[in-house]
């Protein structure tokens, strides 16, 4: 069993999530210089001053989404493609947006080589979402938003769930679960304190 799987196995109760984490080799998503650290339960740097998230956080966010039985998920921040690959093992369709062209290109090649056919990638501004394929049963944001991303909430289906880190480096960040009760009503739950790279809005 991978080192990080031993560490997260008692924190994650959804066996489907643990099976996906076991199935997807994190080495394939980690830069060459970081390969020795791929099995550790820690975030790691990738290109464009971004990170590949800590495996426990990937698993926690995936578990929070799966509790609402989604079929179609929108991910904001493709990064290395690791979170998208985990989700693609768990839901029917994953739509993922990345603003850095290098990361988008690398993730596209990597995920194609791994044989994923249910991951759809787009280069663009994550704040705008992917309206053409809305609504989504779940939205997962892998960067910290300084404020609630209302344009993305509008693309969430009723009874859908959004997992989003909210806050700033100075003020602190909290991972939140937002459930859309109706077009105008939402519930909000704090999951834990986190530290993500900033969710940048294109001009």
N, C-alpha and C. Protein backbone atom coordinates (compact mmCIF):
# COMPACT_ATOMS: atom_id res chain seq x y z
N UNK A 1 0.84 -1.20 0.00
CA UNK A 1 0.00 0.00 0.00
C UNK A 1 0.88 1.25 0.00
N UNK A 2 0.52 2.24 -0.84
CA UNK A 2 1.25 3.49 -0.92
C UNK A 2 1.29 4.18 0.45
N UNK A 3 2.41 4.86 0.72
CA UNK A 3 2.59 5.52 2.02
C UNK A 3 1.39 6.39 2.39
N UNK A 4 0.95 7.25 1.45
CA UNK A 4 -0.14 8.16 1.80
C UNK A 4 -1.46 7.42 2.00
N UNK A 5 -1.64 6.27 1.33
CA UNK A 5 -2.87 5.51 1.53
C UNK A 5 -2.96 4.98 2.95
N UNK A 6 -1.82 4.59 3.51
CA UNK A 6 -1.80 4.12 4.89
C UNK A 6 -2.22 5.25 5.83
N UNK A 7 -1.82 6.47 5.50
CA UNK A 7 -2.11 7.61 6.37
C UNK A 7 -3.56 8.07 6.27
N UNK A 8 -4.16 7.95 5.08
CA UNK A 8 -5.51 8.50 4.91
C UNK A 8 -6.61 7.45 5.07
N UNK A 9 -6.22 6.18 5.12
CA UNK A 9 -7.22 5.10 5.14
C UNK A 9 -8.18 5.20 6.32
N UNK A 10 -7.69 5.72 7.46
CA UNK A 10 -8.56 5.81 8.63
C UNK A 10 -9.30 7.15 8.71
N UNK A 11 -9.03 8.05 7.74
CA UNK A 11 -9.69 9.36 7.74
C UNK A 11 -10.78 9.45 6.68
N UNK A 12 -10.71 8.57 5.67
CA UNK A 12 -11.66 8.58 4.56
C UNK A 12 -12.51 7.32 4.64
N UNK A 13 -13.83 7.48 4.71
CA UNK A 13 -14.71 6.32 4.90
C UNK A 13 -15.25 5.76 3.58
N UNK A 14 -15.19 6.55 2.50
CA UNK A 14 -15.74 6.09 1.23
C UNK A 14 -14.74 5.16 0.53
N UNK A 15 -15.08 3.90 0.45
CA UNK A 15 -14.15 2.91 -0.12
C UNK A 15 -13.91 3.15 -1.61
N UNK A 16 -14.89 3.69 -2.31
CA UNK A 16 -14.71 3.98 -3.74
C UNK A 16 -13.61 5.03 -3.95
N UNK A 17 -13.57 6.02 -3.05
CA UNK A 17 -12.52 7.03 -3.13
C UNK A 17 -11.16 6.41 -2.86
N UNK A 18 -11.07 5.57 -1.83
CA UNK A 18 -9.80 4.92 -1.50
C UNK A 18 -9.35 4.01 -2.65
N UNK A 19 -10.30 3.33 -3.29
CA UNK A 19 -9.96 2.46 -4.43
C UNK A 19 -9.41 3.29 -5.59
N UNK A 20 -10.01 4.45 -5.83
CA UNK A 20 -9.54 5.32 -6.91
C UNK A 20 -8.13 5.85 -6.60
N UNK A 21 -7.89 6.21 -5.35
CA UNK A 21 -6.57 6.69 -4.96
C UNK A 21 -5.53 5.59 -5.12
N UNK A 22 -5.95 4.37 -4.89
CA UNK A 22 -5.05 3.22 -5.04
C UNK A 22 -4.79 2.93 -6.52
N UNK A 23 -5.81 3.12 -7.33
CA UNK A 23 -5.71 2.80 -8.76
C UNK A 23 -4.83 3.79 -9.52
N UNK A 24 -4.92 5.08 -9.18
CA UNK A 24 -4.21 6.12 -9.93
C UNK A 24 -2.82 6.34 -9.34
N UNK A 25 -1.80 6.09 -10.11
CA UNK A 25 -0.42 6.24 -9.66
C UNK A 25 -0.04 7.73 -9.68
N UNK A 26 0.20 8.29 -8.51
CA UNK A 26 0.50 9.72 -8.41
C UNK A 26 1.83 10.08 -9.10
N UNK A 27 2.73 9.11 -9.25
CA UNK A 27 4.00 9.38 -9.92
C UNK A 27 3.80 9.97 -11.32
N UNK A 28 2.73 9.56 -11.99
CA UNK A 28 2.48 10.01 -13.36
C UNK A 28 2.15 11.50 -13.43
N UNK A 29 1.83 12.11 -12.28
CA UNK A 29 1.40 13.51 -12.26
C UNK A 29 2.40 14.44 -11.57
N UNK A 30 3.48 13.87 -11.09
CA UNK A 30 4.47 14.62 -10.32
C UNK A 30 5.70 14.89 -11.18
N UNK A 31 6.25 16.11 -11.16
CA UNK A 31 7.46 16.41 -11.95
C UNK A 31 8.61 15.46 -11.60
N UNK A 32 9.49 15.28 -12.58
CA UNK A 32 10.59 14.31 -12.44
C UNK A 32 11.41 14.54 -11.18
N UNK A 33 11.68 15.79 -10.86
CA UNK A 33 12.52 16.08 -9.69
C UNK A 33 11.81 15.77 -8.37
N UNK A 34 10.50 15.59 -8.41
CA UNK A 34 9.72 15.33 -7.21
C UNK A 34 9.30 13.87 -7.06
N UNK A 35 9.75 13.00 -7.96
CA UNK A 35 9.29 11.62 -7.98
C UNK A 35 9.47 10.89 -6.64
N UNK A 36 10.56 11.17 -5.94
CA UNK A 36 10.81 10.50 -4.66
C UNK A 36 9.79 10.86 -3.59
N UNK A 37 9.04 11.95 -3.83
CA UNK A 37 8.07 12.42 -2.84
C UNK A 37 6.63 12.09 -3.23
N UNK A 38 6.44 11.41 -4.36
CA UNK A 38 5.09 11.18 -4.90
C UNK A 38 4.21 10.36 -3.97
N UNK A 39 4.81 9.49 -3.17
CA UNK A 39 4.00 8.63 -2.29
C UNK A 39 3.73 9.27 -0.94
N UNK A 40 4.22 10.49 -0.72
CA UNK A 40 4.02 11.15 0.57
C UNK A 40 2.70 11.92 0.59
N UNK A 41 2.12 12.01 1.76
CA UNK A 41 0.85 12.74 1.91
C UNK A 41 1.16 14.22 2.09
N UNK A 42 1.62 14.83 1.02
CA UNK A 42 1.97 16.25 1.06
C UNK A 42 1.74 16.87 -0.31
N UNK A 43 1.42 18.16 -0.33
CA UNK A 43 1.34 18.88 -1.61
C UNK A 43 2.74 19.02 -2.18
N UNK A 44 2.84 19.07 -3.50
CA UNK A 44 4.14 19.19 -4.17
C UNK A 44 4.07 20.25 -5.25
N UNK A 45 5.18 20.96 -5.50
CA UNK A 45 5.19 21.98 -6.55
C UNK A 45 5.17 21.36 -7.94
N UNK A 46 4.45 22.02 -8.85
CA UNK A 46 4.49 21.68 -10.27
C UNK A 46 4.80 22.96 -11.04
N UNK A 47 4.75 22.91 -12.34
CA UNK A 47 5.07 24.07 -13.16
C UNK A 47 4.09 25.22 -12.91
N UNK A 48 4.46 26.41 -13.39
CA UNK A 48 3.63 27.62 -13.33
C UNK A 48 3.32 28.05 -11.90
N UNK A 49 4.22 27.71 -10.97
CA UNK A 49 4.07 28.08 -9.56
C UNK A 49 2.77 27.54 -8.96
N UNK A 50 2.33 26.40 -9.43
CA UNK A 50 1.14 25.73 -8.91
C UNK A 50 1.56 24.50 -8.11
N UNK A 51 0.59 23.79 -7.58
CA UNK A 51 0.89 22.59 -6.79
C UNK A 51 -0.03 21.44 -7.18
N UNK A 52 0.44 20.23 -6.89
CA UNK A 52 -0.44 19.06 -6.90
C UNK A 52 -0.83 18.86 -5.45
N UNK A 53 -2.13 18.80 -5.19
CA UNK A 53 -2.64 18.82 -3.82
C UNK A 53 -2.21 17.61 -3.01
N UNK A 54 -2.22 17.79 -1.70
CA UNK A 54 -1.98 16.71 -0.75
C UNK A 54 -3.01 15.60 -1.00
N UNK A 55 -2.60 14.33 -1.08
CA UNK A 55 -3.55 13.24 -1.33
C UNK A 55 -4.75 13.22 -0.38
N UNK A 56 -4.53 13.51 0.89
CA UNK A 56 -5.66 13.52 1.83
C UNK A 56 -6.70 14.56 1.42
N UNK A 57 -6.25 15.74 0.98
CA UNK A 57 -7.19 16.78 0.56
C UNK A 57 -7.93 16.36 -0.71
N UNK A 58 -7.22 15.74 -1.64
CA UNK A 58 -7.85 15.21 -2.86
C UNK A 58 -8.95 14.21 -2.48
N UNK A 59 -8.62 13.32 -1.57
CA UNK A 59 -9.58 12.30 -1.14
C UNK A 59 -10.76 12.91 -0.40
N UNK A 60 -10.48 13.87 0.48
CA UNK A 60 -11.54 14.52 1.26
C UNK A 60 -12.52 15.27 0.36
N UNK A 61 -11.98 16.03 -0.59
CA UNK A 61 -12.83 16.78 -1.51
C UNK A 61 -13.66 15.83 -2.38
N UNK A 62 -13.04 14.74 -2.81
CA UNK A 62 -13.75 13.75 -3.63
C UNK A 62 -14.87 13.10 -2.82
N UNK A 63 -14.58 12.75 -1.57
CA UNK A 63 -15.57 12.12 -0.71
C UNK A 63 -16.76 13.06 -0.45
N UNK A 64 -16.46 14.33 -0.23
CA UNK A 64 -17.53 15.32 0.01
C UNK A 64 -18.44 15.44 -1.20
N UNK A 65 -17.87 15.39 -2.40
CA UNK A 65 -18.67 15.44 -3.62
C UNK A 65 -19.52 14.18 -3.77
N UNK A 66 -18.91 13.02 -3.54
CA UNK A 66 -19.60 11.75 -3.77
C UNK A 66 -20.78 11.55 -2.84
N UNK A 67 -20.77 12.20 -1.70
CA UNK A 67 -21.88 12.08 -0.76
C UNK A 67 -23.19 12.53 -1.39
N UNK A 68 -23.10 13.31 -2.48
CA UNK A 68 -24.30 13.82 -3.15
C UNK A 68 -24.56 13.11 -4.49
N UNK A 69 -23.85 12.03 -4.72
CA UNK A 69 -24.07 11.14 -5.87
C UNK A 69 -24.06 11.87 -7.22
N UNK A 70 -23.02 12.63 -7.51
CA UNK A 70 -22.98 13.36 -8.78
C UNK A 70 -22.65 12.45 -9.96
N UNK A 71 -23.09 12.86 -11.13
CA UNK A 71 -22.74 12.17 -12.37
C UNK A 71 -21.81 13.03 -13.24
N UNK A 72 -21.99 14.34 -13.14
CA UNK A 72 -21.22 15.28 -13.98
C UNK A 72 -20.60 16.35 -13.08
N UNK A 73 -19.27 16.47 -13.16
CA UNK A 73 -18.55 17.40 -12.27
C UNK A 73 -17.75 18.39 -13.08
N UNK A 74 -17.73 19.62 -12.60
CA UNK A 74 -16.86 20.66 -13.15
C UNK A 74 -15.73 20.90 -12.17
N UNK A 75 -14.50 20.81 -12.66
CA UNK A 75 -13.32 21.10 -11.84
C UNK A 75 -12.70 22.40 -12.32
N UNK A 76 -12.39 23.28 -11.38
CA UNK A 76 -11.70 24.52 -11.71
C UNK A 76 -10.25 24.39 -11.23
N UNK A 77 -9.32 24.40 -12.18
CA UNK A 77 -7.91 24.23 -11.87
C UNK A 77 -7.44 22.82 -12.15
N UNK A 78 -7.25 22.49 -13.43
CA UNK A 78 -6.81 21.14 -13.80
C UNK A 78 -5.46 20.80 -13.19
N UNK A 79 -4.54 21.78 -13.22
CA UNK A 79 -3.20 21.54 -12.70
C UNK A 79 -2.53 20.37 -13.40
N UNK A 80 -2.06 19.42 -12.63
CA UNK A 80 -1.39 18.24 -13.18
C UNK A 80 -2.38 17.25 -13.78
N UNK A 81 -3.65 17.37 -13.39
CA UNK A 81 -4.68 16.42 -13.84
C UNK A 81 -4.97 15.32 -12.84
N UNK A 82 -4.28 15.34 -11.69
CA UNK A 82 -4.43 14.26 -10.71
C UNK A 82 -5.84 14.19 -10.12
N UNK A 83 -6.36 15.33 -9.66
CA UNK A 83 -7.71 15.33 -9.10
C UNK A 83 -8.73 14.91 -10.15
N UNK A 84 -8.57 15.37 -11.38
CA UNK A 84 -9.49 14.99 -12.45
C UNK A 84 -9.47 13.48 -12.68
N UNK A 85 -8.28 12.89 -12.63
CA UNK A 85 -8.15 11.44 -12.83
C UNK A 85 -8.86 10.66 -11.73
N UNK A 86 -8.69 11.12 -10.49
CA UNK A 86 -9.38 10.46 -9.37
C UNK A 86 -10.90 10.55 -9.57
N UNK A 87 -11.39 11.74 -9.90
CA UNK A 87 -12.83 11.94 -10.08
C UNK A 87 -13.37 11.11 -11.25
N UNK A 88 -12.56 10.98 -12.30
CA UNK A 88 -13.00 10.24 -13.49
C UNK A 88 -13.21 8.76 -13.19
N UNK A 89 -12.60 8.27 -12.12
CA UNK A 89 -12.83 6.89 -11.68
C UNK A 89 -14.13 6.75 -10.89
N UNK A 90 -14.72 7.90 -10.53
CA UNK A 90 -15.84 7.89 -9.59
C UNK A 90 -17.15 8.40 -10.17
N UNK A 91 -17.09 9.20 -11.24
CA UNK A 91 -18.30 9.78 -11.83
C UNK A 91 -18.29 9.56 -13.34
N UNK A 92 -19.42 9.88 -13.98
CA UNK A 92 -19.55 9.63 -15.41
C UNK A 92 -18.70 10.58 -16.26
N UNK A 93 -18.78 11.89 -15.94
CA UNK A 93 -18.10 12.89 -16.77
C UNK A 93 -17.43 13.94 -15.89
N UNK A 94 -16.20 14.31 -16.26
CA UNK A 94 -15.48 15.37 -15.57
C UNK A 94 -15.11 16.44 -16.60
N UNK A 95 -15.50 17.67 -16.32
CA UNK A 95 -15.12 18.83 -17.14
C UNK A 95 -14.14 19.65 -16.30
N UNK A 96 -12.98 19.98 -16.88
CA UNK A 96 -11.95 20.64 -16.09
C UNK A 96 -11.34 21.81 -16.87
N UNK A 97 -11.17 22.93 -16.17
CA UNK A 97 -10.65 24.16 -16.78
C UNK A 97 -9.31 24.53 -16.15
N UNK A 98 -8.36 24.92 -16.98
CA UNK A 98 -7.04 25.37 -16.52
C UNK A 98 -6.67 26.66 -17.26
N UNK A 99 -6.17 27.64 -16.52
CA UNK A 99 -5.82 28.93 -17.14
C UNK A 99 -4.38 28.97 -17.66
N UNK A 100 -3.51 28.07 -17.19
CA UNK A 100 -2.12 28.03 -17.66
C UNK A 100 -2.01 27.07 -18.85
N UNK A 101 -1.59 27.61 -20.00
CA UNK A 101 -1.55 26.79 -21.21
C UNK A 101 -0.62 25.60 -21.06
N UNK A 102 0.55 25.80 -20.42
CA UNK A 102 1.49 24.69 -20.24
C UNK A 102 0.87 23.56 -19.45
N UNK A 103 0.21 23.87 -18.34
CA UNK A 103 -0.41 22.83 -17.52
C UNK A 103 -1.55 22.16 -18.26
N UNK A 104 -2.34 22.95 -18.98
CA UNK A 104 -3.45 22.40 -19.78
C UNK A 104 -2.92 21.39 -20.80
N UNK A 105 -1.86 21.78 -21.52
CA UNK A 105 -1.29 20.91 -22.56
C UNK A 105 -0.71 19.64 -21.95
N UNK A 106 0.02 19.79 -20.85
CA UNK A 106 0.62 18.63 -20.20
C UNK A 106 -0.45 17.67 -19.67
N UNK A 107 -1.47 18.23 -19.03
CA UNK A 107 -2.53 17.39 -18.47
C UNK A 107 -3.29 16.65 -19.57
N UNK A 108 -3.54 17.34 -20.67
CA UNK A 108 -4.26 16.72 -21.78
C UNK A 108 -3.50 15.52 -22.32
N UNK A 109 -2.20 15.69 -22.52
CA UNK A 109 -1.36 14.59 -23.02
C UNK A 109 -1.31 13.45 -22.01
N UNK A 110 -1.13 13.80 -20.75
CA UNK A 110 -1.00 12.80 -19.68
C UNK A 110 -2.28 11.98 -19.54
N UNK A 111 -3.42 12.63 -19.52
CA UNK A 111 -4.69 11.93 -19.32
C UNK A 111 -5.07 11.09 -20.53
N UNK A 112 -4.69 11.57 -21.72
CA UNK A 112 -4.92 10.76 -22.92
C UNK A 112 -4.07 9.49 -22.89
N UNK A 113 -2.81 9.64 -22.47
CA UNK A 113 -1.93 8.48 -22.39
C UNK A 113 -2.42 7.46 -21.38
N UNK A 114 -3.08 7.94 -20.34
CA UNK A 114 -3.62 7.04 -19.31
C UNK A 114 -4.96 6.44 -19.71
N UNK A 115 -5.49 6.86 -20.85
CA UNK A 115 -6.68 6.23 -21.40
C UNK A 115 -8.01 6.76 -20.93
N UNK A 116 -8.03 7.97 -20.35
CA UNK A 116 -9.30 8.53 -19.89
C UNK A 116 -10.08 9.11 -21.07
N UNK A 117 -11.33 8.70 -21.19
CA UNK A 117 -12.19 9.23 -22.25
C UNK A 117 -13.34 10.06 -21.68
N UNK A 118 -13.45 10.13 -20.36
CA UNK A 118 -14.57 10.86 -19.75
C UNK A 118 -14.09 12.14 -19.06
N UNK A 119 -12.90 12.61 -19.42
CA UNK A 119 -12.40 13.88 -18.91
C UNK A 119 -12.32 14.86 -20.08
N UNK A 120 -12.96 16.01 -19.93
CA UNK A 120 -13.00 17.03 -20.98
C UNK A 120 -12.28 18.27 -20.47
N UNK A 121 -11.26 18.71 -21.19
CA UNK A 121 -10.40 19.80 -20.73
C UNK A 121 -10.61 21.07 -21.55
N UNK A 122 -10.47 22.20 -20.87
CA UNK A 122 -10.62 23.50 -21.52
C UNK A 122 -9.56 24.45 -20.98
N UNK A 123 -8.97 25.24 -21.87
CA UNK A 123 -8.06 26.31 -21.48
C UNK A 123 -8.88 27.58 -21.34
N UNK A 124 -8.87 28.19 -20.15
CA UNK A 124 -9.68 29.40 -19.98
C UNK A 124 -9.72 29.88 -18.55
N UNK A 125 -10.54 30.88 -18.32
CA UNK A 125 -10.72 31.52 -17.03
C UNK A 125 -11.73 30.74 -16.20
N UNK A 126 -11.26 30.14 -15.12
CA UNK A 126 -12.13 29.32 -14.30
C UNK A 126 -13.27 30.07 -13.66
N UNK A 127 -13.10 31.38 -13.43
CA UNK A 127 -14.18 32.16 -12.82
C UNK A 127 -15.43 32.17 -13.70
N UNK A 128 -15.23 31.99 -15.02
CA UNK A 128 -16.37 32.00 -15.94
C UNK A 128 -17.06 30.64 -16.02
N UNK A 129 -16.37 29.60 -15.54
CA UNK A 129 -16.94 28.27 -15.62
C UNK A 129 -16.99 27.75 -17.05
N UNK A 130 -17.90 26.82 -17.29
CA UNK A 130 -18.03 26.18 -18.62
C UNK A 130 -19.54 26.08 -18.88
N UNK A 131 -20.11 27.21 -19.26
CA UNK A 131 -21.56 27.36 -19.34
C UNK A 131 -22.21 26.37 -20.31
N UNK A 132 -21.50 26.05 -21.40
CA UNK A 132 -22.10 25.20 -22.43
C UNK A 132 -22.54 23.84 -21.91
N UNK A 133 -21.88 23.36 -20.86
CA UNK A 133 -22.17 22.01 -20.34
C UNK A 133 -22.91 22.04 -19.00
N UNK A 134 -23.27 23.24 -18.53
CA UNK A 134 -24.01 23.36 -17.28
C UNK A 134 -25.45 22.87 -17.47
N UNK A 135 -26.13 22.46 -16.39
CA UNK A 135 -25.67 22.50 -15.00
C UNK A 135 -24.85 21.27 -14.62
N UNK A 136 -24.08 21.42 -13.53
CA UNK A 136 -23.23 20.34 -13.02
C UNK A 136 -23.78 19.86 -11.68
N UNK A 137 -23.66 18.56 -11.44
CA UNK A 137 -24.09 17.99 -10.15
C UNK A 137 -23.10 18.37 -9.05
N UNK A 138 -21.86 18.60 -9.44
CA UNK A 138 -20.85 18.97 -8.47
C UNK A 138 -19.83 19.89 -9.11
N UNK A 139 -19.30 20.82 -8.33
CA UNK A 139 -18.22 21.69 -8.77
C UNK A 139 -17.13 21.64 -7.71
N UNK A 140 -15.90 21.44 -8.14
CA UNK A 140 -14.77 21.37 -7.22
C UNK A 140 -13.74 22.41 -7.66
N UNK A 141 -13.31 23.23 -6.73
CA UNK A 141 -12.37 24.31 -7.03
C UNK A 141 -11.08 24.05 -6.29
N UNK A 142 -9.97 24.00 -7.02
CA UNK A 142 -8.70 23.58 -6.42
C UNK A 142 -7.76 24.76 -6.21
N UNK A 143 -8.34 25.94 -6.02
CA UNK A 143 -7.58 27.14 -5.66
C UNK A 143 -8.47 27.98 -4.76
N UNK A 144 -7.85 28.80 -3.91
CA UNK A 144 -8.61 29.53 -2.90
C UNK A 144 -9.23 30.80 -3.47
N UNK A 145 -10.55 30.88 -3.42
CA UNK A 145 -11.28 32.05 -3.90
C UNK A 145 -11.39 33.09 -2.78
N UNK A 146 -11.11 34.36 -3.07
CA UNK A 146 -11.24 35.39 -2.04
C UNK A 146 -12.69 35.71 -1.70
N UNK A 147 -13.59 35.33 -2.58
CA UNK A 147 -15.02 35.57 -2.37
C UNK A 147 -15.80 34.44 -3.04
N UNK A 148 -17.07 34.32 -2.70
CA UNK A 148 -17.87 33.25 -3.28
C UNK A 148 -18.00 33.42 -4.79
N UNK A 149 -17.64 32.40 -5.58
CA UNK A 149 -17.71 32.51 -7.05
C UNK A 149 -19.15 32.32 -7.55
N UNK A 150 -19.89 33.43 -7.59
CA UNK A 150 -21.32 33.36 -7.89
C UNK A 150 -21.62 32.87 -9.31
N UNK A 151 -20.73 33.18 -10.27
CA UNK A 151 -20.96 32.70 -11.63
C UNK A 151 -20.92 31.18 -11.68
N UNK A 152 -20.08 30.58 -10.86
CA UNK A 152 -19.99 29.12 -10.81
C UNK A 152 -21.19 28.53 -10.07
N UNK A 153 -21.61 29.18 -9.01
CA UNK A 153 -22.81 28.71 -8.31
C UNK A 153 -24.02 28.66 -9.23
N UNK A 154 -24.08 29.62 -10.16
CA UNK A 154 -25.20 29.65 -11.11
C UNK A 154 -25.18 28.45 -12.05
N UNK A 155 -23.99 27.84 -12.24
CA UNK A 155 -23.87 26.68 -13.11
C UNK A 155 -24.05 25.35 -12.37
N UNK A 156 -24.31 25.44 -11.07
CA UNK A 156 -24.53 24.26 -10.25
C UNK A 156 -26.01 23.89 -10.27
N UNK A 157 -26.28 22.60 -10.44
CA UNK A 157 -27.67 22.13 -10.44
C UNK A 157 -28.28 22.25 -9.05
N UNK A 158 -29.58 22.40 -8.98
CA UNK A 158 -30.27 22.35 -7.68
C UNK A 158 -30.00 20.99 -7.05
N UNK A 159 -29.69 21.00 -5.77
CA UNK A 159 -29.26 19.82 -5.00
C UNK A 159 -27.81 19.43 -5.29
N UNK A 160 -27.14 20.22 -6.13
CA UNK A 160 -25.73 19.98 -6.40
C UNK A 160 -24.86 20.54 -5.27
N UNK A 161 -23.59 20.15 -5.30
CA UNK A 161 -22.67 20.55 -4.23
C UNK A 161 -21.40 21.17 -4.82
N UNK A 162 -20.93 22.22 -4.19
CA UNK A 162 -19.67 22.85 -4.56
C UNK A 162 -18.69 22.70 -3.40
N UNK A 163 -17.49 22.24 -3.71
CA UNK A 163 -16.42 22.17 -2.72
C UNK A 163 -15.41 23.25 -3.09
N UNK A 164 -15.21 24.23 -2.19
CA UNK A 164 -14.39 25.39 -2.55
C UNK A 164 -13.60 25.88 -1.34
N UNK A 165 -12.29 26.11 -1.52
CA UNK A 165 -11.54 26.80 -0.47
C UNK A 165 -11.83 28.30 -0.58
N UNK A 166 -12.23 28.91 0.52
CA UNK A 166 -12.52 30.34 0.54
C UNK A 166 -11.58 31.05 1.51
N UNK A 167 -11.08 32.21 1.08
CA UNK A 167 -10.23 33.00 1.96
C UNK A 167 -8.93 33.40 1.28
N UNK A 168 -8.05 33.99 2.07
CA UNK A 168 -6.76 34.47 1.57
C UNK A 168 -5.65 33.97 2.47
N UNK A 169 -4.41 34.13 1.99
CA UNK A 169 -3.26 33.73 2.81
C UNK A 169 -3.23 34.49 4.13
N UNK A 170 -3.54 35.79 4.08
CA UNK A 170 -3.48 36.62 5.28
C UNK A 170 -4.62 36.30 6.26
N UNK A 171 -5.81 36.17 5.72
CA UNK A 171 -6.97 35.96 6.58
C UNK A 171 -7.27 34.51 6.90
N UNK A 172 -6.56 33.59 6.24
CA UNK A 172 -6.82 32.17 6.41
C UNK A 172 -7.82 31.64 5.40
N UNK A 173 -7.77 30.36 5.15
CA UNK A 173 -8.65 29.71 4.18
C UNK A 173 -9.41 28.57 4.84
N UNK A 174 -10.66 28.43 4.46
CA UNK A 174 -11.46 27.30 4.93
C UNK A 174 -12.03 26.55 3.73
N UNK A 175 -11.95 25.24 3.79
CA UNK A 175 -12.58 24.42 2.76
C UNK A 175 -14.06 24.30 3.11
N UNK A 176 -14.91 24.72 2.17
CA UNK A 176 -16.34 24.77 2.42
C UNK A 176 -17.12 23.86 1.48
N UNK A 177 -18.19 23.33 1.99
CA UNK A 177 -19.15 22.57 1.17
C UNK A 177 -20.42 23.40 1.06
N UNK A 178 -20.75 23.77 -0.18
CA UNK A 178 -21.94 24.56 -0.47
C UNK A 178 -22.95 23.67 -1.18
N UNK A 179 -24.15 23.55 -0.63
CA UNK A 179 -25.21 22.76 -1.27
C UNK A 179 -26.28 23.72 -1.77
N UNK A 180 -26.62 23.59 -3.04
CA UNK A 180 -27.61 24.48 -3.66
C UNK A 180 -29.01 23.92 -3.42
N UNK A 181 -29.73 24.53 -2.48
CA UNK A 181 -31.07 24.06 -2.13
C UNK A 181 -32.11 24.45 -3.17
N UNK A 182 -31.94 25.64 -3.73
CA UNK A 182 -32.81 26.14 -4.79
C UNK A 182 -32.00 27.17 -5.56
N UNK A 183 -32.62 27.84 -6.51
CA UNK A 183 -31.88 28.83 -7.29
C UNK A 183 -31.43 30.01 -6.44
N UNK A 184 -32.03 30.18 -5.28
CA UNK A 184 -31.69 31.33 -4.43
C UNK A 184 -31.25 30.95 -3.02
N UNK A 185 -31.28 29.66 -2.70
CA UNK A 185 -31.00 29.23 -1.32
C UNK A 185 -29.87 28.21 -1.29
N UNK A 186 -28.89 28.45 -0.40
CA UNK A 186 -27.73 27.57 -0.29
C UNK A 186 -27.45 27.26 1.18
N UNK A 187 -26.95 26.07 1.43
CA UNK A 187 -26.42 25.77 2.77
C UNK A 187 -24.91 25.75 2.69
N UNK A 188 -24.25 26.01 3.80
CA UNK A 188 -22.79 26.15 3.81
C UNK A 188 -22.22 25.42 5.02
N UNK A 189 -21.17 24.63 4.80
CA UNK A 189 -20.55 23.88 5.89
C UNK A 189 -19.03 23.99 5.79
N UNK A 190 -18.38 24.30 6.91
CA UNK A 190 -16.92 24.32 6.95
C UNK A 190 -16.41 22.89 7.12
N UNK A 191 -15.45 22.49 6.27
CA UNK A 191 -14.87 21.16 6.37
C UNK A 191 -13.57 21.17 7.18
N UNK A 192 -12.64 22.08 6.82
CA UNK A 192 -11.41 22.20 7.59
C UNK A 192 -10.61 23.40 7.10
N UNK A 193 -9.60 23.79 7.88
CA UNK A 193 -8.68 24.85 7.47
C UNK A 193 -7.72 24.28 6.44
N UNK A 194 -7.44 25.06 5.38
CA UNK A 194 -6.59 24.60 4.29
C UNK A 194 -5.66 25.71 3.84
N UNK A 195 -4.77 25.35 2.92
CA UNK A 195 -3.92 26.35 2.29
C UNK A 195 -3.75 25.98 0.82
N UNK A 196 -4.40 26.74 -0.05
CA UNK A 196 -4.35 26.53 -1.49
C UNK A 196 -3.70 27.74 -2.16
N UNK A 197 -3.23 27.54 -3.40
CA UNK A 197 -2.79 28.67 -4.20
C UNK A 197 -4.01 29.54 -4.53
N UNK A 198 -3.82 30.83 -4.80
CA UNK A 198 -4.97 31.73 -5.05
C UNK A 198 -5.72 31.37 -6.34
N UNK A 199 -7.02 31.56 -6.31
CA UNK A 199 -7.89 31.42 -7.48
C UNK A 199 -7.82 32.75 -8.23
N UNK A 200 -7.11 32.77 -9.35
CA UNK A 200 -6.86 34.01 -10.08
C UNK A 200 -7.94 34.22 -11.13
N UNK A 201 -8.43 35.44 -11.21
CA UNK A 201 -9.42 35.82 -12.22
C UNK A 201 -8.71 36.53 -13.39
N UNK A 202 -8.94 36.09 -14.62
CA UNK A 202 -8.34 36.76 -15.78
C UNK A 202 -9.01 38.11 -16.01
N UNK A 203 -8.25 39.06 -16.52
CA UNK A 203 -8.81 40.39 -16.83
C UNK A 203 -9.60 40.34 -18.12
